[in-house]
PDB file of N, CA and C in Angstrom:
ATOM      1  N   MET A   1      -4.227  17.372  -5.827  1.00  0.00           N
ATOM      2  CA  MET A   1      -4.160  16.394  -4.774  1.00  0.00           C
ATOM      3  C   MET A   1      -3.190  15.292  -5.181  1.00  0.00           C
ATOM      4  N   ASP A   2      -2.335  14.889  -4.245  1.00  0.00           N
ATOM      5  CA  ASP A   2      -1.382  13.813  -4.509  1.00  0.00           C
ATOM      6  C   ASP A   2      -2.020  12.457  -4.248  1.00  0.00           C
ATOM      7  N   ASN A   3      -1.574  11.482  -4.986  1.00  0.00           N
ATOM      8  CA  ASN A   3      -1.986  10.095  -4.765  1.00  0.00           C
ATOM      9  C   ASN A   3      -0.746   9.294  -4.395  1.00  0.00           C
ATOM     10  N   LEU A   4      -0.919   8.330  -3.524  1.00  0.00           N
ATOM     11  CA  LEU A   4       0.185   7.489  -3.090  1.00  0.00           C
ATOM     12  C   LEU A   4      -0.096   6.063  -3.511  1.00  0.00           C
ATOM     13  N   LEU A   5       0.841   5.477  -4.254  1.00  0.00           N
ATOM     14  CA  LEU A   5       0.734   4.077  -4.642  1.00  0.00           C
ATOM     15  C   LEU A   5       1.866   3.331  -3.958  1.00  0.00           C
ATOM     16  N   LYS A   6       1.535   2.348  -3.155  1.00  0.00           N
ATOM     17  CA  LYS A   6       2.554   1.504  -2.539  1.00  0.00           C
ATOM     18  C   LYS A   6       2.476   0.145  -3.218  1.00  0.00           C
ATOM     19  N   ILE A   7       3.548  -0.217  -3.897  1.00  0.00           N
ATOM     20  CA  ILE A   7       3.551  -1.501  -4.591  1.00  0.00           C
ATOM     21  C   ILE A   7       4.878  -2.199  -4.340  1.00  0.00           C
ATOM     22  N   ASN A   8       4.852  -3.500  -4.418  1.00  0.00           N
ATOM     23  CA  ASN A   8       6.058  -4.297  -4.264  1.00  0.00           C
ATOM     24  C   ASN A   8       6.997  -4.018  -5.433  1.00  0.00           C
ATOM     25  N   ILE A   9       8.272  -3.924  -5.156  1.00  0.00           N
ATOM     26  CA  ILE A   9       9.256  -3.607  -6.206  1.00  0.00           C
ATOM     27  C   ILE A   9       9.202  -4.618  -7.351  1.00  0.00           C
ATOM     28  N   HIS A  10       8.826  -5.844  -7.046  1.00  0.00           N
ATOM     29  CA  HIS A  10       8.765  -6.875  -8.090  1.00  0.00           C
ATOM     30  C   HIS A  10       7.554  -6.706  -9.009  1.00  0.00           C
ATOM     31  N   ASP A  11       6.615  -5.855  -8.587  1.00  0.00           N
ATOM     32  CA  ASP A  11       5.443  -5.588  -9.419  1.00  0.00           C
ATOM     33  C   ASP A  11       5.644  -4.388 -10.346  1.00  0.00           C
ATOM     34  N   VAL A  12       6.780  -3.713 -10.225  1.00  0.00           N
ATOM     35  CA  VAL A  12       7.076  -2.575 -11.105  1.00  0.00           C
ATOM     36  C   VAL A  12       7.697  -3.138 -12.385  1.00  0.00           C
ATOM     37  N   THR A  13       6.854  -3.331 -13.362  1.00  0.00           N
ATOM     38  CA  THR A  13       7.292  -3.891 -14.639  1.00  0.00           C
ATOM     39  C   THR A  13       7.139  -2.837 -15.726  1.00  0.00           C
ATOM     40  N   GLN A  14       7.673  -3.134 -16.885  1.00  0.00           N
ATOM     41  CA  GLN A  14       7.501  -2.214 -18.008  1.00  0.00           C
ATOM     42  C   GLN A  14       6.020  -2.020 -18.314  1.00  0.00           C
ATOM     43  N   GLN A  15       5.260  -3.092 -18.237  1.00  0.00           N
ATOM     44  CA  GLN A  15       3.819  -3.002 -18.513  1.00  0.00           C
ATOM     45  C   GLN A  15       3.142  -2.102 -17.478  1.00  0.00           C
ATOM     46  N   PHE A  16       3.486  -2.256 -16.195  1.00  0.00           N
ATOM     47  CA  PHE A  16       2.903  -1.416 -15.159  1.00  0.00           C
ATOM     48  C   PHE A  16       3.211   0.048 -15.427  1.00  0.00           C
ATOM     49  N   LEU A  17       4.466   0.358 -15.737  1.00  0.00           N
ATOM     50  CA  LEU A  17       4.856   1.744 -15.993  1.00  0.00           C
ATOM     51  C   LEU A  17       4.180   2.287 -17.248  1.00  0.00           C
ATOM     52  N   ARG A  18       4.052   1.467 -18.263  1.00  0.00           N
ATOM     53  CA  ARG A  18       3.386   1.890 -19.500  1.00  0.00           C
ATOM     54  C   ARG A  18       1.924   2.230 -19.218  1.00  0.00           C
ATOM     55  N   GLU A  19       1.227   1.348 -18.483  1.00  0.00           N
ATOM     56  CA  GLU A  19      -0.181   1.584 -18.163  1.00  0.00           C
ATOM     57  C   GLU A  19      -0.346   2.804 -17.264  1.00  0.00           C
ATOM     58  N   LEU A  20       0.563   2.986 -16.321  1.00  0.00           N
ATOM     59  CA  LEU A  20       0.511   4.154 -15.451  1.00  0.00           C
ATOM     60  C   LEU A  20       0.711   5.422 -16.275  1.00  0.00           C
ATOM     61  N   GLY A  21       1.661   5.386 -17.190  1.00  0.00           N
ATOM     62  CA  GLY A  21       1.918   6.534 -18.050  1.00  0.00           C
ATOM     63  C   GLY A  21       0.732   6.906 -18.912  1.00  0.00           C
ATOM     64  N   GLN A  22      -0.051   5.921 -19.323  1.00  0.00           N
ATOM     65  CA  GLN A  22      -1.235   6.189 -20.139  1.00  0.00           C
ATOM     66  C   GLN A  22      -2.335   6.865 -19.326  1.00  0.00           C
ATOM     67  N   LYS A  23      -2.331   6.633 -17.996  1.00  0.00           N
ATOM     68  CA  LYS A  23      -3.364   7.204 -17.130  1.00  0.00           C
ATOM     69  C   LYS A  23      -3.014   8.615 -16.664  1.00  0.00           C
ATOM     70  N   LEU A  24      -1.760   9.023 -16.797  1.00  0.00           N
ATOM     71  CA  LEU A  24      -1.310  10.310 -16.285  1.00  0.00           C
ATOM     72  C   LEU A  24      -1.138  11.312 -17.418  1.00  0.00           C
ATOM     73  N   THR A  25      -1.159  12.587 -17.059  1.00  0.00           N
ATOM     74  CA  THR A  25      -0.947  13.619 -18.071  1.00  0.00           C
ATOM     75  C   THR A  25       0.541  13.720 -18.388  1.00  0.00           C
ATOM     76  N   GLY A  26       0.851  14.385 -19.460  1.00  0.00           N
ATOM     77  CA  GLY A  26       2.239  14.508 -19.905  1.00  0.00           C
ATOM     78  C   GLY A  26       3.140  15.276 -18.959  1.00  0.00           C
ATOM     79  N   THR A  27       2.572  16.092 -18.080  1.00  0.00           N
ATOM     80  CA  THR A  27       3.386  16.891 -17.168  1.00  0.00           C
ATOM     81  C   THR A  27       3.445  16.307 -15.759  1.00  0.00           C
ATOM     82  N   THR A  28       2.830  15.146 -15.557  1.00  0.00           N
ATOM     83  CA  THR A  28       2.812  14.525 -14.235  1.00  0.00           C
ATOM     84  C   THR A  28       4.196  13.982 -13.893  1.00  0.00           C
ATOM     85  N   GLU A  29       4.623  14.249 -12.664  1.00  0.00           N
ATOM     86  CA  GLU A  29       5.891  13.705 -12.175  1.00  0.00           C
ATOM     87  C   GLU A  29       5.601  12.555 -11.232  1.00  0.00           C
ATOM     88  N   VAL A  30       6.432  11.530 -11.303  1.00  0.00           N
ATOM     89  CA  VAL A  30       6.318  10.368 -10.422  1.00  0.00           C
ATOM     90  C   VAL A  30       7.585  10.298  -9.592  1.00  0.00           C
ATOM     91  N   GLU A  31       7.422  10.105  -8.305  1.00  0.00           N
ATOM     92  CA  GLU A  31       8.559  10.031  -7.389  1.00  0.00           C
ATOM     93  C   GLU A  31       8.649   8.608  -6.847  1.00  0.00           C
ATOM     94  N   ILE A  32       9.835   8.042  -6.907  1.00  0.00           N
ATOM     95  CA  ILE A  32      10.062   6.702  -6.365  1.00  0.00           C
ATOM     96  C   ILE A  32      10.982   6.848  -5.165  1.00  0.00           C
ATOM     97  N   ARG A  33      10.530   6.373  -4.025  1.00  0.00           N
ATOM     98  CA  ARG A  33      11.334   6.445  -2.808  1.00  0.00           C
ATOM     99  C   ARG A  33      11.822   5.054  -2.437  1.00  0.00           C
ATOM    100  N   ILE A  34      13.073   4.989  -2.082  1.00  0.00           N
ATOM    101  CA  ILE A  34      13.647   3.728  -1.633  1.00  0.00           C
ATOM    102  C   ILE A  34      14.017   3.918  -0.167  1.00  0.00           C
ATOM    103  N   PRO A  35      13.263   3.281   0.731  1.00  0.00           N
ATOM    104  CA  PRO A  35      13.511   3.499   2.157  1.00  0.00           C
ATOM    105  C   PRO A  35      14.840   2.882   2.594  1.00  0.00           C
ATOM    106  N   GLU A  36      15.441   3.542   3.567  1.00  0.00           N
ATOM    107  CA  GLU A  36      16.666   2.995   4.146  1.00  0.00           C
ATOM    108  C   GLU A  36      16.293   1.802   4.994  1.00  0.00           C
ATOM    109  N   LYS A  37      17.185   0.838   5.040  1.00  0.00           N
ATOM    110  CA  LYS A  37      16.943  -0.303   5.916  1.00  0.00           C
ATOM    111  C   LYS A  37      17.090   0.155   7.349  1.00  0.00           C
ATOM    112  N   LYS A  38      16.162  -0.275   8.169  1.00  0.00           N
ATOM    113  CA  LYS A  38      16.226   0.081   9.573  1.00  0.00           C
ATOM    114  C   LYS A  38      17.338  -0.726  10.228  1.00  0.00           C
ATOM    115  N   LYS A  39      18.119  -0.037  11.036  1.00  0.00           N
ATOM    116  CA  LYS A  39      19.168  -0.726  11.767  1.00  0.00           C
ATOM    117  C   LYS A  39      18.529  -1.505  12.900  1.00  0.00           C
ATOM    118  N   LYS A  40      18.949  -2.725  13.046  1.00  0.00           N
ATOM    119  CA  LYS A  40      18.402  -3.560  14.101  1.00  0.00           C
ATOM    120  C   LYS A  40      18.964  -3.098  15.440  1.00  0.00           C
ATOM    121  N   GLU A  41      18.065  -2.943  16.400  1.00  0.00           N
ATOM    122  CA  GLU A  41      18.491  -2.528  17.718  1.00  0.00           C
ATOM    123  C   GLU A  41      19.247  -3.667  18.389  1.00  0.00           C
ATOM    124  N   MET A  42      20.316  -3.297  19.088  1.00  0.00           N
ATOM    125  CA  MET A  42      21.075  -4.313  19.813  1.00  0.00           C
ATOM    126  C   MET A  42      20.277  -4.807  21.019  1.00  0.00           C
ATOM    127  N   PHE A  43      19.631  -3.873  21.712  1.00  0.00           N
ATOM    128  CA  PHE A  43      18.857  -4.199  22.897  1.00  0.00           C
ATOM    129  C   PHE A  43      17.533  -3.445  22.846  1.00  0.00           C
ATOM    130  N   SER A  44      16.526  -4.056  23.417  1.00  0.00           N
ATOM    131  CA  SER A  44      15.296  -3.309  23.630  1.00  0.00           C
ATOM    132  C   SER A  44      15.529  -2.402  24.829  1.00  0.00           C
ATOM    133  N   ASP A  45      14.635  -1.474  25.068  1.00  0.00           N
ATOM    134  CA  ASP A  45      14.780  -0.581  26.224  1.00  0.00           C
ATOM    135  C   ASP A  45      14.858  -1.366  27.520  1.00  0.00           C
ATOM    136  N   SER A  46      13.980  -2.341  27.658  1.00  0.00           N
ATOM    137  CA  SER A  46      13.972  -3.106  28.908  1.00  0.00           C
ATOM    138  C   SER A  46      15.258  -3.916  29.078  1.00  0.00           C
ATOM    139  N   GLN A  47      15.773  -4.495  27.993  1.00  0.00           N
ATOM    140  CA  GLN A  47      17.035  -5.232  28.072  1.00  0.00           C
ATOM    141  C   GLN A  47      18.180  -4.300  28.444  1.00  0.00           C
ATOM    142  N   PHE A  48      18.174  -3.116  27.866  1.00  0.00           N
ATOM    143  CA  PHE A  48      19.225  -2.148  28.154  1.00  0.00           C
ATOM    144  C   PHE A  48      19.252  -1.819  29.643  1.00  0.00           C
ATOM    145  N   TRP A  49      18.091  -1.527  30.212  1.00  0.00           N
ATOM    146  CA  TRP A  49      18.040  -1.132  31.622  1.00  0.00           C
ATOM    147  C   TRP A  49      18.314  -2.302  32.555  1.00  0.00           C
ATOM    148  N   GLN A  50      18.126  -3.513  32.076  1.00  0.00           N
ATOM    149  CA  GLN A  50      18.445  -4.677  32.910  1.00  0.00           C
ATOM    150  C   GLN A  50      19.946  -4.848  33.096  1.00  0.00           C
ATOM    151  N   ILE A  51      20.745  -4.432  32.130  1.00  0.00           N
ATOM    152  CA  ILE A  51      22.196  -4.625  32.251  1.00  0.00           C
ATOM    153  C   ILE A  51      22.905  -3.429  32.871  1.00  0.00           C
ATOM    154  N   ILE A  52      22.201  -2.321  33.049  1.00  0.00           N
ATOM    155  CA  ILE A  52      22.795  -1.133  33.669  1.00  0.00           C
ATOM    156  C   ILE A  52      22.757  -1.313  35.195  1.00  0.00           C
ATOM    157  N   PRO A  53      23.916  -1.220  35.845  1.00  0.00           N
ATOM    158  CA  PRO A  53      23.918  -1.361  37.311  1.00  0.00           C
ATOM    159  C   PRO A  53      23.191  -0.183  37.956  1.00  0.00           C
ATOM    160  N   ARG A  54      22.516  -0.478  39.023  1.00  0.00           N
ATOM    161  CA  ARG A  54      21.754   0.573  39.726  1.00  0.00           C
ATOM    162  C   ARG A  54      22.361   0.850  41.057  1.00  0.00           C
TER     163      ARG A  54
END
């Protein structure tokens, strides 16, 4: 079973990683994902349809 840890990037310290490593087995893999920044929408749907001529 997989476990998911969501933590603030500023909380990832050497001590945190050391303690995490002590809790895991030697063959455990850890994956770190860095999400892409969401592009800000220029218009909401309603704003978009307000400027489209009908």
